[in-house]
Amino acid sequence: MSKSTNKTDLPGFILALSGAILFSTKAIFVKLAFRETQVDALTLLSLRMLFSLPFYLVAVWLVSRKENQRPLSSRDWLLLLAMGILGYYLSSLFDFIGLQYISAGLERLILFLYPTFAVLMNTFIFKSRLDKIQLIALLLTYLGIGIAYFGELQLDTSNPKFFYGSFMIFLCAITYSFYLVGTGRMVTRVGVTRYTAYAMLMATAGIFIHFLLVHPVRDIPFSSTLTGYSAAIAVLATVLPSFMMSNAMKRIGSNNVSIITSIGPVSTILQAHFFLGEHIIPAQLAGTVLVIVGVLLIGWQTKRNSR
């Protein structure tokens, strides 16, 4: 692991925080699309990747023009395929399915179990060091998420597919944690732009193949509303944050990114309240405070290391 991944710096912290907030808009756009267009999860996911595709193709073209790049080995290509399939195909599919049955706030809370899985994989499989600040921040953020989760749980158990939706989001968290750890390991070797673009193209191919196997293209219910939401999900909640997060992982490492992105539930809960009319309950507020304290700890460490 390079030196840059063993410390935090201010640009890395800002990139991770901004990327997490942009990623958190995804659940809002998805819920609005489901509410206003009655589109199914796979179709919406396919449209998301369709609108994302030109950006990643341009990124691949720009990268291919650079000289003196390290050629990718067969192992690199296989790992890129695995990261694309696990990170933006399976996890996104599980996520979109789950969002049909649970609130945006609860989706984000369950999904943010993934930093725990990622940190544990880095610590116990790859033998990365978990320092004291990371440990304290991790405990605080997940205590906060746990409190808010159980508060949310009491509001929505009458939904017959509540637990199914929750399970889908749990699977999303597991598969995305593999992507997060793999990104932290590969991005310094492959390069930020090249890694992100190729992994996303792999994911896009998997999603398109899945869609074509189960849906005729003529059945896509194109409308200005669906097109607008799909484009917003693609650009604001996919393309921009994916490059931000890959850059952040290169600068500060996947453990720090995992903890910083715990601000995501806070952002989603607030947006869900204002745009979807979801209630904010005392348990959410208590959990939110703990999550913010955990994220601020990482910010404090960032300022100290950048002096």
Foldseek 3Di string as FASTA:
>chain_A
DDPLQAAFADLLLVLLLLLLLLQLCLLVLLLVCCVPPVDALLLLLLLLLVLQQVVLVVLQVVVVPDPPADDDDPVNLVLLLLLLCLARALLSSLLSNLSVQAASLLLLLLLLVLLVVLVCCCCPVVVDDQDPLLVLLVVLLNVLSVLLNVVRCVVRPVGPCNVVSSVSSNSSSVSNSVSLNSLLVPCVRRHLSRSLSSSNVSNSVVSVVVCVVPHDPVPNPDDPSSSVSSNSCNPRNPDSSSSSNSVSCSRHNSSLSSLLSSLSSVSNVVCCCVSVVDDDDPSNVSSNVSSVVSNVSSVVSNVVVHD
